[in-house]
Amino acid sequence: SVEGLFENFPARKQFLKRSSAESSQCRQIFIEKALAW
């Protein structure tokens, strides 16, 4: 379990996109792994 990503690293957190965009990227990685296996 990973919680509070980049909370202690504000310089990185400010470049994150909206949650919907980040969800879409996570979904893409999930699909890529599922395709390969």
Full PDB file with SEQRES, HELIX, SHEET, SSBOND, CRYST1, ORIGX, SCALE, CONECT and MASTER records, all heavy atoms in Angstrom:
SEQRES   1 A   37  SER VAL GLU GLY LEU PHE GLU ASN PHE PRO ALA ARG LYS          
SEQRES   2 A   37  GLN PHE LEU LYS ARG SER SER ALA GLU SER SER GLN CYS          
SEQRES   3 A   37  ARG GLN ILE PHE ILE GLU LYS ALA LEU ALA TRP                  
HELIX    1 AA1 PRO A   10  LYS A   13  1                                   4    
HELIX    2 AA2 SER A   19  ALA A   36  1                                  18    
CRYST1    1.000    1.000    1.000  90.00  90.00  90.00 P 1           1          
ORIGX1      1.000000  0.000000  0.000000        0.00000                         
ORIGX2      0.000000  1.000000  0.000000        0.00000                         
ORIGX3      0.000000  0.000000  1.000000        0.00000                         
SCALE1      1.000000  0.000000  0.000000        0.00000                         
SCALE2      0.000000  1.000000  0.000000        0.00000                         
SCALE3      0.000000  0.000000  1.000000        0.00000                         
ATOM      1  N   SER A   1       0.844  -1.197   0.000  1.00  0.00           N  
ATOM      2  CA  SER A   1       0.000   0.000   0.000  1.00  0.00           C  
ATOM      3  C   SER A   1       0.877   1.243   0.000  1.00  0.00           C  
ATOM      4  O   SER A   1       1.823   1.346   0.799  1.00  0.00           O  
ATOM      5  CB  SER A   1      -0.916   0.029   1.233  1.00  0.00           C  
ATOM      6  OG  SER A   1      -1.784  -1.075   1.225  1.00  0.00           O  
ATOM      7  N   VAL A   2       0.554   2.181  -0.912  1.00  0.00           N  
ATOM      8  CA  VAL A   2       1.308   3.426  -1.036  1.00  0.00           C  
ATOM      9  C   VAL A   2       0.320   4.572  -0.840  1.00  0.00           C  
ATOM     10  O   VAL A   2      -0.608   4.739  -1.639  1.00  0.00           O  
ATOM     11  CB  VAL A   2       1.989   3.526  -2.419  1.00  0.00           C  
ATOM     12  CG1 VAL A   2       2.719   4.855  -2.558  1.00  0.00           C  
ATOM     13  CG2 VAL A   2       2.947   2.359  -2.619  1.00  0.00           C  
ATOM     14  N   GLU A   3       0.522   5.372   0.199  1.00  0.00           N  
ATOM     15  CA  GLU A   3      -0.387   6.478   0.490  1.00  0.00           C  
ATOM     16  C   GLU A   3       0.373   7.804   0.490  1.00  0.00           C  
ATOM     17  O   GLU A   3       1.569   7.846   0.758  1.00  0.00           O  
ATOM     18  CB  GLU A   3      -1.058   6.271   1.857  1.00  0.00           C  
ATOM     19  CG  GLU A   3      -1.917   5.021   1.931  1.00  0.00           C  
ATOM     20  CD  GLU A   3      -2.591   4.890   3.283  1.00  0.00           C  
ATOM     21  OE1 GLU A   3      -2.370   5.755   4.149  1.00  0.00           O  
ATOM     22  OE2 GLU A   3      -3.353   3.922   3.471  1.00  0.00           O  
ATOM     23  N   GLY A   4      -0.374   8.872   0.182  1.00  0.00           N  
ATOM     24  CA  GLY A   4       0.214  10.210   0.234  1.00  0.00           C  
ATOM     25  C   GLY A   4       1.422  10.382  -0.665  1.00  0.00           C  
ATOM     26  O   GLY A   4       2.453  10.928  -0.243  1.00  0.00           O  
ATOM     27  N   LEU A   5       1.289   9.972  -1.902  1.00  0.00           N  
ATOM     28  CA  LEU A   5       2.418  10.047  -2.826  1.00  0.00           C  
ATOM     29  C   LEU A   5       2.891  11.495  -3.013  1.00  0.00           C  
ATOM     30  O   LEU A   5       2.086  12.383  -3.304  1.00  0.00           O  
ATOM     31  CB  LEU A   5       2.019   9.451  -4.184  1.00  0.00           C  
ATOM     32  CG  LEU A   5       3.127   9.306  -5.231  1.00  0.00           C  
ATOM     33  CD1 LEU A   5       4.208   8.341  -4.741  1.00  0.00           C  
ATOM     34  CD2 LEU A   5       2.546   8.819  -6.561  1.00  0.00           C  
ATOM     35  N   PHE A   6       4.157  11.730  -2.833  1.00  0.00           N  
ATOM     36  CA  PHE A   6       4.846  13.021  -2.995  1.00  0.00           C  
ATOM     37  C   PHE A   6       4.422  14.075  -1.966  1.00  0.00           C  
ATOM     38  O   PHE A   6       4.701  15.262  -2.150  1.00  0.00           O  
ATOM     39  CB  PHE A   6       4.655  13.591  -4.412  1.00  0.00           C  
ATOM     40  CG  PHE A   6       5.197  12.718  -5.503  1.00  0.00           C  
ATOM     41  CD1 PHE A   6       4.439  12.455  -6.631  1.00  0.00           C  
ATOM     42  CD2 PHE A   6       6.461  12.173  -5.408  1.00  0.00           C  
ATOM     43  CE1 PHE A   6       4.925  11.653  -7.653  1.00  0.00           C  
ATOM     44  CE2 PHE A   6       6.965  11.364  -6.422  1.00  0.00           C  
ATOM     45  CZ  PHE A   6       6.196  11.098  -7.547  1.00  0.00           C  
ATOM     46  N   GLU A   7       3.771  13.664  -0.881  1.00  0.00           N  
ATOM     47  CA  GLU A   7       3.431  14.640   0.155  1.00  0.00           C  
ATOM     48  C   GLU A   7       4.684  15.271   0.764  1.00  0.00           C  
ATOM     49  O   GLU A   7       4.678  16.434   1.162  1.00  0.00           O  
ATOM     50  CB  GLU A   7       2.596  13.979   1.260  1.00  0.00           C  
ATOM     51  CG  GLU A   7       1.129  13.845   0.919  1.00  0.00           C  
ATOM     52  CD  GLU A   7       0.321  13.296   2.079  1.00  0.00           C  
ATOM     53  OE1 GLU A   7       0.942  12.996   3.137  1.00  0.00           O  
ATOM     54  OE2 GLU A   7      -0.910  13.160   1.947  1.00  0.00           O  
ATOM     55  N   ASN A   8       5.759  14.495   0.839  1.00  0.00           N  
ATOM     56  CA  ASN A   8       7.012  15.011   1.376  1.00  0.00           C  
ATOM     57  C   ASN A   8       7.946  15.506   0.276  1.00  0.00           C  
ATOM     58  O   ASN A   8       9.140  15.719   0.517  1.00  0.00           O  
ATOM     59  CB  ASN A   8       7.722  13.932   2.206  1.00  0.00           C  
ATOM     60  CG  ASN A   8       8.082  12.712   1.352  1.00  0.00           C  
ATOM     61  OD1 ASN A   8       7.591  12.564   0.236  1.00  0.00           O  
ATOM     62  ND2 ASN A   8       8.941  11.849   1.883  1.00  0.00           N  
ATOM     63  N   PHE A   9       7.400  15.653  -0.926  1.00  0.00           N  
ATOM     64  CA  PHE A   9       8.220  16.086  -2.071  1.00  0.00           C  
ATOM     65  C   PHE A   9       7.362  17.048  -2.906  1.00  0.00           C  
ATOM     66  O   PHE A   9       6.979  16.745  -4.035  1.00  0.00           O  
ATOM     67  CB  PHE A   9       8.629  14.877  -2.894  1.00  0.00           C  
ATOM     68  CG  PHE A   9       9.792  15.107  -3.825  1.00  0.00           C  
ATOM     69  CD1 PHE A   9      10.332  14.047  -4.540  1.00  0.00           C  
ATOM     70  CD2 PHE A   9      10.364  16.363  -4.009  1.00  0.00           C  
ATOM     71  CE1 PHE A   9      11.396  14.225  -5.404  1.00  0.00           C  
ATOM     72  CE2 PHE A   9      11.424  16.554  -4.864  1.00  0.00           C  
ATOM     73  CZ  PHE A   9      11.947  15.490  -5.565  1.00  0.00           C  
ATOM     74  N   PRO A  10       7.050  18.246  -2.374  1.00  0.00           N  
ATOM     75  CA  PRO A  10       6.140  19.182  -3.057  1.00  0.00           C  
ATOM     76  C   PRO A  10       6.593  19.558  -4.463  1.00  0.00           C  
ATOM     77  O   PRO A  10       5.763  19.795  -5.349  1.00  0.00           O  
ATOM     78  CB  PRO A  10       6.141  20.403  -2.131  1.00  0.00           C  
ATOM     79  CG  PRO A  10       6.558  19.876  -0.798  1.00  0.00           C  
ATOM     80  CD  PRO A  10       7.513  18.763  -1.075  1.00  0.00           C  
ATOM     81  N   ALA A  11       7.913  19.607  -4.693  1.00  0.00           N  
ATOM     82  CA  ALA A  11       8.409  19.984  -6.022  1.00  0.00           C  
ATOM     83  C   ALA A  11       7.949  18.996  -7.088  1.00  0.00           C  
ATOM     84  O   ALA A  11       7.731  19.377  -8.243  1.00  0.00           O  
ATOM     85  CB  ALA A  11       9.937  20.050  -5.999  1.00  0.00           C  
ATOM     86  N   ARG A  12       7.775  17.724  -6.697  1.00  0.00           N  
ATOM     87  CA  ARG A  12       7.291  16.733  -7.645  1.00  0.00           C  
ATOM     88  C   ARG A  12       5.768  16.731  -7.709  1.00  0.00           C  
ATOM     89  O   ARG A  12       5.184  16.604  -8.783  1.00  0.00           O  
ATOM     90  CB  ARG A  12       7.786  15.349  -7.225  1.00  0.00           C  
ATOM     91  CG  ARG A  12       7.278  14.188  -8.062  1.00  0.00           C  
ATOM     92  CD  ARG A  12       7.894  14.152  -9.436  1.00  0.00           C  
ATOM     93  NE  ARG A  12       9.349  13.972  -9.366  1.00  0.00           N  
ATOM     94  CZ  ARG A  12      10.138  13.916 -10.434  1.00  0.00           C  
ATOM     95  NH1 ARG A  12       9.607  14.038 -11.638  1.00  0.00           N  
ATOM     96  NH2 ARG A  12      11.435  13.767 -10.303  1.00  0.00           N  
ATOM     97  N   LYS A  13       5.129  16.922  -6.562  1.00  0.00           N  
ATOM     98  CA  LYS A  13       3.674  16.816  -6.507  1.00  0.00           C  
ATOM     99  C   LYS A  13       2.990  17.893  -7.334  1.00  0.00           C  
ATOM    100  O   LYS A  13       1.919  17.665  -7.911  1.00  0.00           O  
ATOM    101  CB  LYS A  13       3.199  16.891  -5.054  1.00  0.00           C  
ATOM    102  CG  LYS A  13       1.712  16.603  -4.896  1.00  0.00           C  
ATOM    103  CD  LYS A  13       1.308  16.505  -3.443  1.00  0.00           C  
ATOM    104  CE  LYS A  13      -0.167  16.137  -3.317  1.00  0.00           C  
ATOM    105  NZ  LYS A  13      -0.580  15.998  -1.912  1.00  0.00           N  
ATOM    106  N   GLN A  14       3.591  19.085  -7.419  1.00  0.00           N  
ATOM    107  CA  GLN A  14       2.936  20.175  -8.135  1.00  0.00           C  
ATOM    108  C   GLN A  14       2.830  19.925  -9.639  1.00  0.00           C  
ATOM    109  O   GLN A  14       2.067  20.597 -10.328  1.00  0.00           O  
ATOM    110  CB  GLN A  14       3.702  21.482  -7.882  1.00  0.00           C  
ATOM    111  CG  GLN A  14       5.088  21.538  -8.491  1.00  0.00           C  
ATOM    112  CD  GLN A  14       5.775  22.875  -8.272  1.00  0.00           C  
ATOM    113  OE1 GLN A  14       5.095  23.870  -8.057  1.00  0.00           O  
ATOM    114  NE2 GLN A  14       7.098  22.891  -8.324  1.00  0.00           N  
ATOM    115  N   PHE A  15       3.589  18.941 -10.136  1.00  0.00           N  
ATOM    116  CA  PHE A  15       3.534  18.642 -11.573  1.00  0.00           C  
ATOM    117  C   PHE A  15       2.570  17.500 -11.901  1.00  0.00           C  
ATOM    118  O   PHE A  15       2.430  17.124 -13.069  1.00  0.00           O  
ATOM    119  CB  PHE A  15       4.931  18.296 -12.099  1.00  0.00           C  
ATOM    120  CG  PHE A  15       5.840  19.492 -12.198  1.00  0.00           C  
ATOM    121  CD1 PHE A  15       6.781  19.753 -11.216  1.00  0.00           C  
ATOM    122  CD2 PHE A  15       5.729  20.365 -13.263  1.00  0.00           C  
ATOM    123  CE1 PHE A  15       7.612  20.862 -11.303  1.00  0.00           C  
ATOM    124  CE2 PHE A  15       6.546  21.477 -13.366  1.00  0.00           C  
ATOM    125  CZ  PHE A  15       7.492  21.730 -12.381  1.00  0.00           C  
ATOM    126  N   LEU A  16       1.924  16.948 -10.870  1.00  0.00           N  
ATOM    127  CA  LEU A  16       0.939  15.915 -11.149  1.00  0.00           C  
ATOM    128  C   LEU A  16      -0.285  16.533 -11.810  1.00  0.00           C  
ATOM    129  O   LEU A  16      -0.625  17.691 -11.585  1.00  0.00           O  
ATOM    130  CB  LEU A  16       0.523  15.216  -9.849  1.00  0.00           C  
ATOM    131  CG  LEU A  16       1.606  14.391  -9.148  1.00  0.00           C  
ATOM    132  CD1 LEU A  16       1.043  13.782  -7.871  1.00  0.00           C  
ATOM    133  CD2 LEU A  16       2.147  13.297 -10.064  1.00  0.00           C  
ATOM    134  N   LYS A  17      -0.971  15.737 -12.627  1.00  0.00           N  
ATOM    135  CA  LYS A  17      -2.157  16.206 -13.333  1.00  0.00           C  
ATOM    136  C   LYS A  17      -3.408  15.925 -12.505  1.00  0.00           C  
ATOM    137  O   LYS A  17      -3.335  15.422 -11.390  1.00  0.00           O  
ATOM    138  CB  LYS A  17      -2.246  15.528 -14.700  1.00  0.00           C  
ATOM    139  CG  LYS A  17      -1.055  15.849 -15.595  1.00  0.00           C  
ATOM    140  CD  LYS A  17      -1.180  15.170 -16.935  1.00  0.00           C  
ATOM    141  CE  LYS A  17       0.012  15.509 -17.835  1.00  0.00           C  
ATOM    142  NZ  LYS A  17      -0.074  14.858 -19.161  1.00  0.00           N  
ATOM    143  N   ARG A  18      -4.555  16.265 -13.074  1.00  0.00           N  
ATOM    144  CA  ARG A  18      -5.816  15.991 -12.394  1.00  0.00           C  
ATOM    145  C   ARG A  18      -5.943  14.496 -12.108  1.00  0.00           C  
ATOM    146  O   ARG A  18      -5.376  13.662 -12.825  1.00  0.00           O  
ATOM    147  CB  ARG A  18      -6.993  16.465 -13.235  1.00  0.00           C  
ATOM    148  CG  ARG A  18      -7.018  17.955 -13.505  1.00  0.00           C  
ATOM    149  CD  ARG A  18      -8.337  18.340 -14.177  1.00  0.00           C  
ATOM    150  NE  ARG A  18      -8.629  17.488 -15.316  1.00  0.00           N  
ATOM    151  CZ  ARG A  18      -8.185  17.703 -16.543  1.00  0.00           C  
ATOM    152  NH1 ARG A  18      -7.396  18.742 -16.797  1.00  0.00           N  
ATOM    153  NH2 ARG A  18      -8.530  16.890 -17.522  1.00  0.00           N  
ATOM    154  N   SER A  19      -6.721  14.167 -11.097  1.00  0.00           N  
ATOM    155  CA  SER A  19      -6.840  12.758 -10.712  1.00  0.00           C  
ATOM    156  C   SER A  19      -7.353  11.898 -11.864  1.00  0.00           C  
ATOM    157  O   SER A  19      -6.946  10.742 -12.016  1.00  0.00           O  
ATOM    158  CB  SER A  19      -7.753  12.617  -9.496  1.00  0.00           C  
ATOM    159  OG  SER A  19      -9.064  13.057  -9.792  1.00  0.00           O  
ATOM    160  N   SER A  20      -8.243  12.437 -12.697  1.00  0.00           N  
ATOM    161  CA  SER A  20      -8.761  11.660 -13.830  1.00  0.00           C  
ATOM    162  C   SER A  20      -7.660  11.323 -14.821  1.00  0.00           C  
ATOM    163  O   SER A  20      -7.613  10.211 -15.367  1.00  0.00           O  
ATOM    164  CB  SER A  20      -9.880  12.433 -14.531  1.00  0.00           C  
ATOM    165  OG  SER A  20      -9.409  13.683 -15.011  1.00  0.00           O  
ATOM    166  N   ALA A  21      -6.752  12.288 -15.046  1.00  0.00           N  
ATOM    167  CA  ALA A  21      -5.640  12.042 -15.965  1.00  0.00           C  
ATOM    168  C   ALA A  21      -4.671  11.029 -15.383  1.00  0.00           C  
ATOM    169  O   ALA A  21      -4.168  10.140 -16.094  1.00  0.00           O  
ATOM    170  CB  ALA A  21      -4.925  13.348 -16.282  1.00  0.00           C  
ATOM    171  N   GLU A  22      -4.395  11.132 -14.082  1.00  0.00           N  
ATOM    172  CA  GLU A  22      -3.491  10.177 -13.448  1.00  0.00           C  
ATOM    173  C   GLU A  22      -4.127   8.783 -13.416  1.00  0.00           C  
ATOM    174  O   GLU A  22      -3.435   7.772 -13.623  1.00  0.00           O  
ATOM    175  CB  GLU A  22      -3.134  10.637 -12.036  1.00  0.00           C  
ATOM    176  CG  GLU A  22      -2.357  11.940 -11.976  1.00  0.00           C  
ATOM    177  CD  GLU A  22      -0.984  11.864 -12.642  1.00  0.00           C  
ATOM    178  OE1 GLU A  22      -0.500  10.746 -12.907  1.00  0.00           O  
ATOM    179  OE2 GLU A  22      -0.398  12.928 -12.901  1.00  0.00           O  
ATOM    180  N   SER A  23      -5.435   8.720 -13.197  1.00  0.00           N  
ATOM    181  CA  SER A  23      -6.137   7.430 -13.238  1.00  0.00           C  
ATOM    182  C   SER A  23      -6.009   6.789 -14.608  1.00  0.00           C  
ATOM    183  O   SER A  23      -5.814   5.575 -14.734  1.00  0.00           O  
ATOM    184  CB  SER A  23      -7.614   7.611 -12.889  1.00  0.00           C  
ATOM    185  OG  SER A  23      -7.795   7.958 -11.550  1.00  0.00           O  
ATOM    186  N   SER A  24      -6.130   7.616 -15.645  1.00  0.00           N  
ATOM    187  CA  SER A  24      -6.014   7.109 -17.008  1.00  0.00           C  
ATOM    188  C   SER A  24      -4.634   6.522 -17.262  1.00  0.00           C  
ATOM    189  O   SER A  24      -4.494   5.471 -17.909  1.00  0.00           O  
ATOM    190  CB  SER A  24      -6.305   8.242 -18.004  1.00  0.00           C  
ATOM    191  OG  SER A  24      -6.168   7.797 -19.332  1.00  0.00           O  
ATOM    192  N   GLN A  25      -3.591   7.175 -16.738  1.00  0.00           N  
ATOM    193  CA  GLN A  25      -2.238   6.659 -16.904  1.00  0.00           C  
ATOM    194  C   GLN A  25      -2.057   5.340 -16.147  1.00  0.00           C  
ATOM    195  O   GLN A  25      -1.422   4.398 -16.654  1.00  0.00           O  
ATOM    196  CB  GLN A  25      -1.226   7.690 -16.403  1.00  0.00           C  
ATOM    197  CG  GLN A  25      -1.082   8.910 -17.298  1.00  0.00           C  
ATOM    198  CD  GLN A  25      -0.461   8.565 -18.641  1.00  0.00           C  
ATOM    199  OE1 GLN A  25       0.416   7.722 -18.734  1.00  0.00           O  
ATOM    200  NE2 GLN A  25      -0.933   9.213 -19.686  1.00  0.00           N  
ATOM    201  N   CYS A  26      -2.606   5.263 -14.944  1.00  0.00           N  
ATOM    202  CA  CYS A  26      -2.528   4.012 -14.185  1.00  0.00           C  
ATOM    203  C   CYS A  26      -3.259   2.893 -14.924  1.00  0.00           C  
ATOM    204  O   CYS A  26      -2.792   1.741 -14.974  1.00  0.00           O  
ATOM    205  CB  CYS A  26      -3.122   4.199 -12.789  1.00  0.00           C  
ATOM    206  SG  CYS A  26      -2.173   5.285 -11.705  1.00  0.00           S  
ATOM    207  N   ARG A  27      -4.416   3.227 -15.480  1.00  0.00           N  
ATOM    208  CA  ARG A  27      -5.183   2.245 -16.251  1.00  0.00           C  
ATOM    209  C   ARG A  27      -4.382   1.750 -17.439  1.00  0.00           C  
ATOM    210  O   ARG A  27      -4.383   0.544 -17.760  1.00  0.00           O  
ATOM    211  CB  ARG A  27      -6.493   2.885 -16.719  1.00  0.00           C  
ATOM    212  CG  ARG A  27      -7.350   2.047 -17.652  1.00  0.00           C  
ATOM    213  CD  ARG A  27      -8.584   2.815 -18.082  1.00  0.00           C  
ATOM    214  NE  ARG A  27      -9.402   2.061 -19.004  1.00  0.00           N  
ATOM    215  CZ  ARG A  27      -9.209   2.022 -20.322  1.00  0.00           C  
ATOM    216  NH1 ARG A  27      -8.200   2.704 -20.861  1.00  0.00           N  
ATOM    217  NH2 ARG A  27     -10.019   1.320 -21.101  1.00  0.00           N  
ATOM    218  N   GLN A  28      -3.664   2.657 -18.115  1.00  0.00           N  
ATOM    219  CA  GLN A  28      -2.868   2.263 -19.272  1.00  0.00           C  
ATOM    220  C   GLN A  28      -1.771   1.274 -18.885  1.00  0.00           C  
ATOM    221  O   GLN A  28      -1.541   0.273 -19.574  1.00  0.00           O  
ATOM    222  CB  GLN A  28      -2.252   3.499 -19.933  1.00  0.00           C  
ATOM    223  CG  GLN A  28      -1.407   3.213 -21.163  1.00  0.00           C  
ATOM    224  CD  GLN A  28      -2.197   2.594 -22.294  1.00  0.00           C  
ATOM    225  OE1 GLN A  28      -3.393   2.836 -22.440  1.00  0.00           O  
ATOM    226  NE2 GLN A  28      -1.536   1.781 -23.108  1.00  0.00           N  
ATOM    227  N   ILE A  29      -1.086   1.551 -17.768  1.00  0.00           N  
ATOM    228  CA  ILE A  29      -0.045   0.631 -17.308  1.00  0.00           C  
ATOM    229  C   ILE A  29      -0.656  -0.722 -16.964  1.00  0.00           C  
ATOM    230  O   ILE A  29      -0.099  -1.780 -17.309  1.00  0.00           O  
ATOM    231  CB  ILE A  29       0.677   1.220 -16.077  1.00  0.00           C  
ATOM    232  CG1 ILE A  29       1.470   2.466 -16.480  1.00  0.00           C  
ATOM    233  CG2 ILE A  29       1.601   0.180 -15.438  1.00  0.00           C  
ATOM    234  CD1 ILE A  29       2.601   2.205 -17.459  1.00  0.00           C  
ATOM    235  N   PHE A  30      -1.805  -0.705 -16.302  1.00  0.00           N  
ATOM    236  CA  PHE A  30      -2.491  -1.956 -15.967  1.00  0.00           C  
ATOM    237  C   PHE A  30      -2.794  -2.770 -17.222  1.00  0.00           C  
ATOM    238  O   PHE A  30      -2.545  -3.983 -17.271  1.00  0.00           O  
ATOM    239  CB  PHE A  30      -3.785  -1.633 -15.209  1.00  0.00           C  
ATOM    240  CG  PHE A  30      -4.672  -2.822 -14.973  1.00  0.00           C  
ATOM    241  CD1 PHE A  30      -4.478  -3.642 -13.876  1.00  0.00           C  
ATOM    242  CD2 PHE A  30      -5.702  -3.129 -15.859  1.00  0.00           C  
ATOM    243  CE1 PHE A  30      -5.285  -4.749 -13.661  1.00  0.00           C  
ATOM    244  CE2 PHE A  30      -6.508  -4.228 -15.659  1.00  0.00           C  
ATOM    245  CZ  PHE A  30      -6.308  -5.044 -14.548  1.00  0.00           C  
ATOM    246  N   ILE A  31      -3.323  -2.114 -18.241  1.00  0.00           N  
ATOM    247  CA  ILE A  31      -3.677  -2.808 -19.479  1.00  0.00           C  
ATOM    248  C   ILE A  31      -2.429  -3.380 -20.151  1.00  0.00           C  
ATOM    249  O   ILE A  31      -2.430  -4.515 -20.653  1.00  0.00           O  
ATOM    250  CB  ILE A  31      -4.428  -1.856 -20.430  1.00  0.00           C  
ATOM    251  CG1 ILE A  31      -5.827  -1.587 -19.889  1.00  0.00           C  
ATOM    252  CG2 ILE A  31      -4.502  -2.438 -21.840  1.00  0.00           C  
ATOM    253  CD1 ILE A  31      -6.614  -0.578 -20.681  1.00  0.00           C  
ATOM    254  N   GLU A  32      -1.339  -2.615 -20.168  1.00  0.00           N  
ATOM    255  CA  GLU A  32      -0.105  -3.096 -20.794  1.00  0.00           C  
ATOM    256  C   GLU A  32       0.402  -4.368 -20.124  1.00  0.00           C  
ATOM    257  O   GLU A  32       0.824  -5.310 -20.799  1.00  0.00           O  
ATOM    258  CB  GLU A  32       0.958  -2.000 -20.744  1.00  0.00           C  
ATOM    259  CG  GLU A  32       0.663  -0.812 -21.650  1.00  0.00           C  
ATOM    260  CD  GLU A  32       1.654   0.322 -21.448  1.00  0.00           C  
ATOM    261  OE1 GLU A  32       2.645   0.126 -20.703  1.00  0.00           O  
ATOM    262  OE2 GLU A  32       1.441   1.405 -22.023  1.00  0.00           O  
ATOM    263  N   LYS A  33       0.381  -4.394 -18.783  1.00  0.00           N  
ATOM    264  CA  LYS A  33       0.824  -5.592 -18.076  1.00  0.00           C  
ATOM    265  C   LYS A  33      -0.112  -6.765 -18.358  1.00  0.00           C  
ATOM    266  O   LYS A  33       0.328  -7.903 -18.553  1.00  0.00           O  
ATOM    267  CB  LYS A  33       0.892  -5.335 -16.572  1.00  0.00           C  
ATOM    268  CG  LYS A  33       1.903  -4.282 -16.163  1.00  0.00           C  
ATOM    269  CD  LYS A  33       3.311  -4.641 -16.585  1.00  0.00           C  
ATOM    270  CE  LYS A  33       4.288  -3.551 -16.197  1.00  0.00           C  
ATOM    271  NZ  LYS A  33       5.654  -3.819 -16.715  1.00  0.00           N  
ATOM    272  N   ALA A  34      -1.417  -6.477 -18.381  1.00  0.00           N  
ATOM    273  CA  ALA A  34      -2.385  -7.537 -18.647  1.00  0.00           C  
ATOM    274  C   ALA A  34      -2.233  -8.100 -20.056  1.00  0.00           C  
ATOM    275  O   ALA A  34      -2.372  -9.311 -20.274  1.00  0.00           O  
ATOM    276  CB  ALA A  34      -3.803  -7.008 -18.438  1.00  0.00           C  
ATOM    277  N   LEU A  35      -1.935  -7.245 -21.023  1.00  0.00           N  
ATOM    278  CA  LEU A  35      -1.740  -7.707 -22.394  1.00  0.00           C  
ATOM    279  C   LEU A  35      -0.550  -8.661 -22.495  1.00  0.00           C  
ATOM    280  O   LEU A  35      -0.602  -9.673 -23.185  1.00  0.00           O  
ATOM    281  CB  LEU A  35      -1.517  -6.510 -23.321  1.00  0.00           C  
ATOM    282  CG  LEU A  35      -2.716  -5.621 -23.635  1.00  0.00           C  
ATOM    283  CD1 LEU A  35      -2.278  -4.415 -24.450  1.00  0.00           C  
ATOM    284  CD2 LEU A  35      -3.789  -6.399 -24.385  1.00  0.00           C  
ATOM    285  N   ALA A  36       0.532  -8.319 -21.807  1.00  0.00           N  
ATOM    286  CA  ALA A  36       1.772  -9.085 -21.934  1.00  0.00           C  
ATOM    287  C   ALA A  36       1.733 -10.413 -21.188  1.00  0.00           C  
ATOM    288  O   ALA A  36       2.531 -11.303 -21.478  1.00  0.00           O  
ATOM    289  CB  ALA A  36       2.944  -8.244 -21.428  1.00  0.00           C  
ATOM    290  N   TRP A  37       0.792 -10.550 -20.236  1.00  0.00           N  
ATOM    291  CA  TRP A  37       0.729 -11.767 -19.421  1.00  0.00           C  
ATOM    292  C   TRP A  37      -0.692 -12.324 -19.433  1.00  0.00           C  
ATOM    293  O   TRP A  37      -1.417 -12.266 -18.436  1.00  0.00           O  
ATOM    294  CB  TRP A  37       1.191 -11.454 -17.991  1.00  0.00           C  
ATOM    295  CG  TRP A  37       2.608 -10.975 -17.951  1.00  0.00           C  
ATOM    296  CD1 TRP A  37       3.050  -9.685 -18.051  1.00  0.00           C  
ATOM    297  CD2 TRP A  37       3.770 -11.786 -17.840  1.00  0.00           C  
ATOM    298  NE1 TRP A  37       4.424  -9.645 -18.009  1.00  0.00           N  
ATOM    299  CE2 TRP A  37       4.902 -10.918 -17.874  1.00  0.00           C  
ATOM    300  CE3 TRP A  37       3.980 -13.163 -17.696  1.00  0.00           C  
ATOM    301  CZ2 TRP A  37       6.202 -11.388 -17.780  1.00  0.00           C  
ATOM    302  CZ3 TRP A  37       5.275 -13.632 -17.611  1.00  0.00           C  
ATOM    303  CH2 TRP A  37       6.371 -12.758 -17.647  1.00  0.00           C  
TER     304      TRP A  37                                                      
MASTER        0    0    0    2    0    0    0    6  303    1    0    3          
END                                                                             
